[in-house]
Amino acid sequence: MLLIDFDLSESSVAGCLGLECNAGVASILLHSTPMADALTHLAIGNYRMMVLPNDAPMSNSSEWLASRAMASLLQQLKAAFRSSIMIVNLAPILPSDDAISILPQMDCAVLVTAAGVTKRSEVKACERYLETVEILRVLVHGAPSFAR
């Protein structure tokens, strides 16, 4: 499995996972850092995965996501991880064009909402942007768990 941080304006995946990264998506796009130098191995218990973090917030993130450099990076990732599941973290859909720029290149999507924060009208507004991709699930982050 490969987790990719394409939230170019925030670069939050590395911090959430406690990873220190010297290179990542920004380094690949801005400085032609080889993809292999930006990948990080991560083990959580018995689970192992690769992470491609974003190492620095980038201005003009929507333009970068729609760029030839990004298309090239996506081709490299698809070739290198052809038999792997790739999970791509993107910026929220409504506040920026970032996710909209790259969604047509994704096979499917999971819409993440926040319990008590995300409004129904916001989920409805997201639907029109998600027409180009199959929605696998809608996750409600922060929802109380119920015993079965």
C-alpha atoms as a PDB file:
ATOM      1  CA  MET A   1       0.000   0.000   0.000  1.00  0.00           C
ATOM      2  CA  LEU A   2       1.132   3.524  -0.760  1.00  0.00           C
ATOM      3  CA  LEU A   3      -0.194   6.647   0.985  1.00  0.00           C
ATOM      4  CA  ILE A   4       0.398   9.839  -1.021  1.00  0.00           C
ATOM      5  CA  ASP A   5      -0.007  13.375   0.306  1.00  0.00           C
ATOM      6  CA  PHE A   6      -1.233  15.508  -2.583  1.00  0.00           C
ATOM      7  CA  ASP A   7      -2.641  18.146  -0.215  1.00  0.00           C
ATOM      8  CA  LEU A   8       0.002  20.536  -1.500  1.00  0.00           C
ATOM      9  CA  SER A   9      -1.199  23.549   0.475  1.00  0.00           C
ATOM     10  CA  GLU A  10      -1.123  21.853   3.911  1.00  0.00           C
ATOM     11  CA  SER A  11       1.249  18.854   3.802  1.00  0.00           C
ATOM     12  CA  SER A  12      -0.247  17.194   6.877  1.00  0.00           C
ATOM     13  CA  VAL A  13       0.276  13.441   6.373  1.00  0.00           C
ATOM     14  CA  ALA A  14       3.893  13.352   7.595  1.00  0.00           C
ATOM     15  CA  GLY A  15       2.994  15.256  10.755  1.00  0.00           C
ATOM     16  CA  CYS A  16      -0.024  13.063  11.497  1.00  0.00           C
ATOM     17  CA  LEU A  17       2.114   9.943  11.168  1.00  0.00           C
ATOM     18  CA  GLY A  18       5.070  11.392  13.080  1.00  0.00           C
ATOM     19  CA  LEU A  19       7.365  11.153  10.053  1.00  0.00           C
ATOM     20  CA  GLU A  20      10.338  13.361   9.417  1.00  0.00           C
ATOM     21  CA  CYS A  21      10.775  13.877   5.718  1.00  0.00           C
ATOM     22  CA  ASN A  22      13.698  15.447   3.935  1.00  0.00           C
ATOM     23  CA  ALA A  23      12.050  15.070   0.545  1.00  0.00           C
ATOM     24  CA  GLY A  24       8.535  14.605  -0.737  1.00  0.00           C
ATOM     25  CA  VAL A  25       6.080  15.691  -3.394  1.00  0.00           C
ATOM     26  CA  ALA A  26       7.218  19.342  -3.344  1.00  0.00           C
ATOM     27  CA  SER A  27      10.869  18.299  -3.770  1.00  0.00           C
ATOM     28  CA  ILE A  28       9.957  16.037  -6.679  1.00  0.00           C
ATOM     29  CA  LEU A  29       7.925  18.727  -8.453  1.00  0.00           C
ATOM     30  CA  LEU A  30      10.153  21.731  -7.692  1.00  0.00           C
ATOM     31  CA  HIS A  31      13.635  20.239  -7.623  1.00  0.00           C
ATOM     32  CA  SER A  32      13.384  17.035  -9.674  1.00  0.00           C
ATOM     33  CA  THR A  33      14.203  14.895  -6.635  1.00  0.00           C
ATOM     34  CA  PRO A  34      13.952  11.222  -7.643  1.00  0.00           C
ATOM     35  CA  MET A  35      10.721   9.611  -6.419  1.00  0.00           C
ATOM     36  CA  ALA A  36      12.664   6.822  -4.674  1.00  0.00           C
ATOM     37  CA  ASP A  37      14.438   9.430  -2.495  1.00  0.00           C
ATOM     38  CA  ALA A  38      11.108  10.830  -1.307  1.00  0.00           C
ATOM     39  CA  LEU A  39       9.407   7.557  -0.335  1.00  0.00           C
ATOM     40  CA  THR A  40       9.313   6.582   3.337  1.00  0.00           C
ATOM     41  CA  HIS A  41       8.718   3.114   4.789  1.00  0.00           C
ATOM     42  CA  LEU A  42       6.223   3.013   7.641  1.00  0.00           C
ATOM     43  CA  ALA A  43       5.292   0.164   9.981  1.00  0.00           C
ATOM     44  CA  ILE A  44       2.347   0.369  12.353  1.00  0.00           C
ATOM     45  CA  GLY A  45       2.135  -2.880  14.280  1.00  0.00           C
ATOM     46  CA  ASN A  46       2.084  -5.672  11.709  1.00  0.00           C
ATOM     47  CA  TYR A  47       1.052  -3.319   8.896  1.00  0.00           C
ATOM     48  CA  ARG A  48       3.646  -1.969   6.512  1.00  0.00           C
ATOM     49  CA  MET A  49       3.236   0.655   3.861  1.00  0.00           C
ATOM     50  CA  MET A  50       5.083   3.241   1.844  1.00  0.00           C
ATOM     51  CA  VAL A  51       4.362   6.937   2.263  1.00  0.00           C
ATOM     52  CA  LEU A  52       5.039   9.724  -0.209  1.00  0.00           C
ATOM     53  CA  PRO A  53       4.662  12.800   1.999  1.00  0.00           C
ATOM     54  CA  ASN A  54       4.513  16.378   0.895  1.00  0.00           C
ATOM     55  CA  ASP A  55       7.576  18.007   2.397  1.00  0.00           C
ATOM     56  CA  ALA A  56       6.568  21.661   2.056  1.00  0.00           C
ATOM     57  CA  PRO A  57       3.408  23.688   1.419  1.00  0.00           C
ATOM     58  CA  MET A  58       3.303  24.954  -2.163  1.00  0.00           C
ATOM     59  CA  SER A  59       1.739  28.120  -3.495  1.00  0.00           C
ATOM     60  CA  ASN A  60      -0.347  27.712  -6.663  1.00  0.00           C
ATOM     61  CA  SER A  61      -1.152  24.158  -5.571  1.00  0.00           C
ATOM     62  CA  SER A  62      -4.053  23.765  -8.046  1.00  0.00           C
ATOM     63  CA  GLU A  63      -1.745  24.630 -10.922  1.00  0.00           C
ATOM     64  CA  TRP A  64       0.862  22.154  -9.678  1.00  0.00           C
ATOM     65  CA  LEU A  65      -1.741  19.394  -9.415  1.00  0.00           C
ATOM     66  CA  ALA A  66      -2.760  20.025 -13.036  1.00  0.00           C
ATOM     67  CA  SER A  67       0.838  20.364 -14.273  1.00  0.00           C
ATOM     68  CA  ARG A  68       2.852  18.133 -16.591  1.00  0.00           C
ATOM     69  CA  ALA A  69       5.247  17.469 -13.724  1.00  0.00           C
ATOM     70  CA  MET A  70       2.351  16.058 -11.674  1.00  0.00           C
ATOM     71  CA  ALA A  71       1.133  13.973 -14.614  1.00  0.00           C
ATOM     72  CA  SER A  72       4.642  12.560 -14.934  1.00  0.00           C
ATOM     73  CA  LEU A  73       4.791  11.799 -11.205  1.00  0.00           C
ATOM     74  CA  LEU A  74       1.415  10.037 -11.384  1.00  0.00           C
ATOM     75  CA  GLN A  75       2.649   7.913 -14.311  1.00  0.00           C
ATOM     76  CA  GLN A  76       5.770   6.976 -12.340  1.00  0.00           C
ATOM     77  CA  LEU A  77       3.695   6.059  -9.293  1.00  0.00           C
ATOM     78  CA  LYS A  78       1.248   3.962 -11.328  1.00  0.00           C
ATOM     79  CA  ALA A  79       4.131   2.103 -12.984  1.00  0.00           C
ATOM     80  CA  ALA A  80       6.094   1.546  -9.763  1.00  0.00           C
ATOM     81  CA  PHE A  81       3.084   0.570  -7.624  1.00  0.00           C
ATOM     82  CA  ARG A  82       0.979  -1.124 -10.301  1.00  0.00           C
ATOM     83  CA  SER A  83      -0.106  -3.983  -8.036  1.00  0.00           C
ATOM     84  CA  SER A  84      -0.527  -1.846  -4.909  1.00  0.00           C
ATOM     85  CA  ILE A  85      -3.403   0.111  -3.479  1.00  0.00           C
ATOM     86  CA  MET A  86      -2.639   3.823  -3.607  1.00  0.00           C
ATOM     87  CA  ILE A  87      -4.456   6.135  -1.206  1.00  0.00           C
ATOM     88  CA  VAL A  88      -4.196   9.814  -2.087  1.00  0.00           C
ATOM     89  CA  ASN A  89      -4.816  12.525   0.486  1.00  0.00           C
ATOM     90  CA  LEU A  90      -6.229  15.654  -1.151  1.00  0.00           C
ATOM     91  CA  ALA A  91      -7.227  19.082   0.099  1.00  0.00           C
ATOM     92  CA  PRO A  92     -10.903  19.601   0.984  1.00  0.00           C
ATOM     93  CA  ILE A  93     -13.013  19.921  -2.167  1.00  0.00           C
ATOM     94  CA  LEU A  94     -15.046  23.043  -1.463  1.00  0.00           C
ATOM     95  CA  PRO A  95     -12.485  25.624  -0.255  1.00  0.00           C
ATOM     96  CA  SER A  96     -10.077  25.205  -3.198  1.00  0.00           C
ATOM     97  CA  ASP A  97      -9.706  23.806  -6.711  1.00  0.00           C
ATOM     98  CA  ASP A  98      -6.933  21.408  -5.701  1.00  0.00           C
ATOM     99  CA  ALA A  99      -8.939  18.188  -5.545  1.00  0.00           C
ATOM    100  CA  ILE A 100     -10.967  19.152  -8.598  1.00  0.00           C
ATOM    101  CA  SER A 101      -7.729  19.525 -10.597  1.00  0.00           C
ATOM    102  CA  ILE A 102      -6.648  15.930 -10.050  1.00  0.00           C
ATOM    103  CA  LEU A 103      -9.856  13.952  -9.427  1.00  0.00           C
ATOM    104  CA  PRO A 104     -10.315  13.045 -13.115  1.00  0.00           C
ATOM    105  CA  GLN A 105      -7.033  11.105 -12.884  1.00  0.00           C
ATOM    106  CA  MET A 106      -8.183   9.068  -9.869  1.00  0.00           C
ATOM    107  CA  ASP A 107      -9.916   5.687 -10.196  1.00  0.00           C
ATOM    108  CA  CYS A 108     -12.215   6.199  -7.209  1.00  0.00           C
ATOM    109  CA  ALA A 109     -12.679   8.349  -4.113  1.00  0.00           C
ATOM    110  CA  VAL A 110     -13.648   8.211  -0.465  1.00  0.00           C
ATOM    111  CA  LEU A 111     -15.383  11.347   0.770  1.00  0.00           C
ATOM    112  CA  VAL A 112     -14.390  12.163   4.354  1.00  0.00           C
ATOM    113  CA  THR A 113     -16.742  14.325   6.403  1.00  0.00           C
ATOM    114  CA  ALA A 114     -16.513  15.543  10.001  1.00  0.00           C
ATOM    115  CA  ALA A 115     -19.266  14.608  12.453  1.00  0.00           C
ATOM    116  CA  GLY A 116     -21.009  17.705  13.775  1.00  0.00           C
ATOM    117  CA  VAL A 117     -19.051  19.963  11.408  1.00  0.00           C
ATOM    118  CA  THR A 118     -19.813  19.035   7.797  1.00  0.00           C
ATOM    119  CA  LYS A 119     -23.267  20.191   6.721  1.00  0.00           C
ATOM    120  CA  ARG A 120     -25.549  18.163   4.459  1.00  0.00           C
ATOM    121  CA  SER A 121     -25.535  21.030   1.986  1.00  0.00           C
ATOM    122  CA  GLU A 122     -21.734  20.790   1.791  1.00  0.00           C
ATOM    123  CA  VAL A 123     -21.883  17.061   1.040  1.00  0.00           C
ATOM    124  CA  LYS A 124     -24.461  17.814  -1.676  1.00  0.00           C
ATOM    125  CA  ALA A 125     -22.197  20.521  -3.109  1.00  0.00           C
ATOM    126  CA  CYS A 126     -19.333  18.007  -3.263  1.00  0.00           C
ATOM    127  CA  GLU A 127     -21.428  15.603  -5.345  1.00  0.00           C
ATOM    128  CA  ARG A 128     -21.153  17.699  -8.511  1.00  0.00           C
ATOM    129  CA  TYR A 129     -17.357  17.691  -8.286  1.00  0.00           C
ATOM    130  CA  LEU A 130     -17.259  13.964  -7.680  1.00  0.00           C
ATOM    131  CA  GLU A 131     -19.214  13.002 -10.809  1.00  0.00           C
ATOM    132  CA  THR A 132     -15.999  12.107 -12.661  1.00  0.00           C
ATOM    133  CA  VAL A 133     -14.966   9.451 -10.139  1.00  0.00           C
ATOM    134  CA  GLU A 134     -16.597   6.466  -8.476  1.00  0.00           C
ATOM    135  CA  ILE A 135     -17.368   7.078  -4.792  1.00  0.00           C
ATOM    136  CA  LEU A 136     -16.467   4.029  -2.731  1.00  0.00           C
ATOM    137  CA  ARG A 137     -17.570   5.290   0.670  1.00  0.00           C
ATOM    138  CA  VAL A 138     -18.451   8.346   2.688  1.00  0.00           C
ATOM    139  CA  LEU A 139     -16.552   8.321   5.977  1.00  0.00           C
ATOM    140  CA  VAL A 140     -17.762  10.330   8.939  1.00  0.00           C
ATOM    141  CA  HIS A 141     -14.703  11.291  10.963  1.00  0.00           C
ATOM    142  CA  GLY A 142     -15.327  11.758  14.679  1.00  0.00           C
ATOM    143  CA  ALA A 143     -18.625   9.881  14.733  1.00  0.00           C
ATOM    144  CA  PRO A 144     -19.363   7.995  17.956  1.00  0.00           C
ATOM    145  CA  SER A 145     -18.869   4.259  17.711  1.00  0.00           C
ATOM    146  CA  PHE A 146     -21.729   1.990  18.609  1.00  0.00           C
ATOM    147  CA  ALA A 147     -21.418  -1.442  20.213  1.00  0.00           C
ATOM    148  CA  ARG A 148     -23.027  -4.218  18.197  1.00  0.00           C
END
